[in-house]
C-alpha atoms as a PDB file:
ATOM      1  CA  UNK A   1     -13.506  -8.042  21.641  1.00  0.00           C
ATOM      2  CA  UNK A   2     -10.729  -6.763  19.242  1.00  0.00           C
ATOM      3  CA  UNK A   3     -10.838  -6.175  15.691  1.00  0.00           C
ATOM      4  CA  UNK A   4      -8.574  -7.750  13.272  1.00  0.00           C
ATOM      5  CA  UNK A   5      -6.874  -7.543   9.922  1.00  0.00           C
ATOM      6  CA  UNK A   6      -7.648 -10.173   7.234  1.00  0.00           C
ATOM      7  CA  UNK A   7      -6.062 -10.213   3.889  1.00  0.00           C
ATOM      8  CA  UNK A   8      -7.975 -12.999   1.749  1.00  0.00           C
ATOM      9  CA  UNK A   9      -6.371 -14.269  -1.603  1.00  0.00           C
ATOM     10  CA  UNK A  10      -8.759 -16.405  -3.874  1.00  0.00           C
ATOM     11  CA  UNK A  11      -7.335 -18.120  -6.504  1.00  0.00           C
ATOM     12  CA  UNK A  12      -8.365 -20.646  -9.470  1.00  0.00           C
ATOM     13  CA  UNK A  13      -7.213 -24.387  -8.026  1.00  0.00           C
ATOM     14  CA  UNK A  14      -4.381 -25.949  -9.906  1.00  0.00           C
ATOM     15  CA  UNK A  15      -5.180 -27.887 -13.084  1.00  0.00           C
ATOM     16  CA  UNK A  16      -8.507 -25.509 -13.439  1.00  0.00           C
ATOM     17  CA  UNK A  17      -8.974 -23.280 -16.869  1.00  0.00           C
ATOM     18  CA  UNK A  18      -8.391 -19.649 -15.763  1.00  0.00           C
ATOM     19  CA  UNK A  19      -9.477 -17.120 -18.285  1.00  0.00           C
ATOM     20  CA  UNK A  20      -8.671 -14.209 -16.849  1.00  0.00           C
ATOM     21  CA  UNK A  21      -5.599 -15.092 -16.095  1.00  0.00           C
ATOM     22  CA  UNK A  22      -4.925 -16.203 -20.307  1.00  0.00           C
ATOM     23  CA  UNK A  23      -6.115 -12.844 -21.265  1.00  0.00           C
ATOM     24  CA  UNK A  24      -3.856 -11.089 -19.034  1.00  0.00           C
ATOM     25  CA  UNK A  25      -1.043 -13.224 -19.954  1.00  0.00           C
ATOM     26  CA  UNK A  26      -2.135 -12.732 -23.768  1.00  0.00           C
ATOM     27  CA  UNK A  27      -1.976  -8.826 -23.446  1.00  0.00           C
ATOM     28  CA  UNK A  28       1.785  -8.524 -21.696  1.00  0.00           C
ATOM     29  CA  UNK A  29       2.932 -10.833 -24.875  1.00  0.00           C
ATOM     30  CA  UNK A  30       1.045  -8.333 -27.161  1.00  0.00           C
ATOM     31  CA  UNK A  31       2.995  -5.834 -25.482  1.00  0.00           C
ATOM     32  CA  UNK A  32       5.893  -7.528 -26.417  1.00  0.00           C
ATOM     33  CA  UNK A  33       7.553  -7.688 -22.683  1.00  0.00           C
ATOM     34  CA  UNK A  34       9.972 -10.262 -22.922  1.00  0.00           C
ATOM     35  CA  UNK A  35      10.369 -12.752 -19.516  1.00  0.00           C
ATOM     36  CA  UNK A  36       7.065 -12.592 -17.859  1.00  0.00           C
ATOM     37  CA  UNK A  37       4.672 -15.095 -17.823  1.00  0.00           C
ATOM     38  CA  UNK A  38       1.311 -14.993 -16.221  1.00  0.00           C
ATOM     39  CA  UNK A  39       0.182 -18.014 -14.646  1.00  0.00           C
ATOM     40  CA  UNK A  40      -3.083 -16.862 -12.436  1.00  0.00           C
ATOM     41  CA  UNK A  41      -5.414 -14.026 -12.316  1.00  0.00           C
ATOM     42  CA  UNK A  42      -7.345 -13.989  -8.891  1.00  0.00           C
ATOM     43  CA  UNK A  43      -9.142 -12.116  -6.093  1.00  0.00           C
ATOM     44  CA  UNK A  44      -7.701  -9.774  -2.899  1.00  0.00           C
ATOM     45  CA  UNK A  45     -10.212  -8.829  -0.280  1.00  0.00           C
ATOM     46  CA  UNK A  46      -9.276  -6.784   2.525  1.00  0.00           C
ATOM     47  CA  UNK A  47     -11.843  -6.990   5.259  1.00  0.00           C
ATOM     48  CA  UNK A  48     -11.837  -5.969   9.459  1.00  0.00           C
ATOM     49  CA  UNK A  49     -13.561  -8.804  11.480  1.00  0.00           C
ATOM     50  CA  UNK A  50     -14.585  -8.545  15.259  1.00  0.00           C
ATOM     51  CA  UNK A  51     -13.857 -11.310  17.484  1.00  0.00           C
ATOM     52  CA  UNK A  52     -12.396 -12.633  20.519  1.00  0.00           C
ATOM     53  CA  UNK A  53      -9.853 -14.111  19.435  1.00  0.00           C
ATOM     54  CA  UNK A  54      -6.995 -14.787  16.242  1.00  0.00           C
ATOM     55  CA  UNK A  55      -8.560 -18.500  15.908  1.00  0.00           C
ATOM     56  CA  UNK A  56     -12.535 -16.972  15.999  1.00  0.00           C
ATOM     57  CA  UNK A  57     -11.470 -14.271  13.412  1.00  0.00           C
ATOM     58  CA  UNK A  58      -9.875 -17.250  11.046  1.00  0.00           C
ATOM     59  CA  UNK A  59     -13.075 -19.395  11.838  1.00  0.00           C
ATOM     60  CA  UNK A  60     -15.651 -16.563  11.011  1.00  0.00           C
ATOM     61  CA  UNK A  61     -13.258 -15.943   7.653  1.00  0.00           C
ATOM     62  CA  UNK A  62     -13.658 -19.679   6.812  1.00  0.00           C
ATOM     63  CA  UNK A  63     -17.229 -19.835   7.336  1.00  0.00           C
ATOM     64  CA  UNK A  64     -17.547 -16.520   4.878  1.00  0.00           C
ATOM     65  CA  UNK A  65     -15.189 -18.319   2.257  1.00  0.00           C
ATOM     66  CA  UNK A  66     -17.360 -21.500   2.145  1.00  0.00           C
ATOM     67  CA  UNK A  67     -20.438 -19.951   2.184  1.00  0.00           C
ATOM     68  CA  UNK A  68     -19.851 -16.797   0.012  1.00  0.00           C
ATOM     69  CA  UNK A  69     -16.600 -16.059  -1.340  1.00  0.00           C
ATOM     70  CA  UNK A  70     -14.889 -19.157  -2.640  1.00  0.00           C
ATOM     71  CA  UNK A  71     -16.149 -21.603  -5.029  1.00  0.00           C
ATOM     72  CA  UNK A  72     -14.605 -25.127  -3.552  1.00  0.00           C
ATOM     73  CA  UNK A  73     -14.799 -26.545  -6.550  1.00  0.00           C
ATOM     74  CA  UNK A  74     -12.528 -23.805  -9.032  1.00  0.00           C
ATOM     75  CA  UNK A  75     -10.909 -21.894  -5.905  1.00  0.00           C
ATOM     76  CA  UNK A  76      -8.706 -22.666  -3.295  1.00  0.00           C
ATOM     77  CA  UNK A  77      -7.795 -19.834  -0.698  1.00  0.00           C
ATOM     78  CA  UNK A  78      -5.478 -18.480   2.066  1.00  0.00           C
ATOM     79  CA  UNK A  79      -5.996 -15.943   4.576  1.00  0.00           C
ATOM     80  CA  UNK A  80      -3.968 -13.913   6.799  1.00  0.00           C
ATOM     81  CA  UNK A  81      -5.010 -12.379  10.199  1.00  0.00           C
ATOM     82  CA  UNK A  82      -3.357  -9.996  12.034  1.00  0.00           C
ATOM     83  CA  UNK A  83      -4.118  -9.062  15.364  1.00  0.00           C
ATOM     84  CA  UNK A  84      -5.992  -5.507  16.254  1.00  0.00           C
END
């Protein structure tokens, strides 16, 4: 068994309205910062997973995403798995 470092990024699917992204973009415009456009706001999760292999760690993370962490109707995710 080894501990794997996981970096998980969850963000809105393309075409799904992103009120947080819109609010941040509006705030940036309110600061009169030129040349910046905020497209999306998502979530970043960092975790450790004990598993026998990188593939098993990825399966565990995928299961967590499907069951708890990601709304598949509105969000998408990418996970980076780093060995122990």
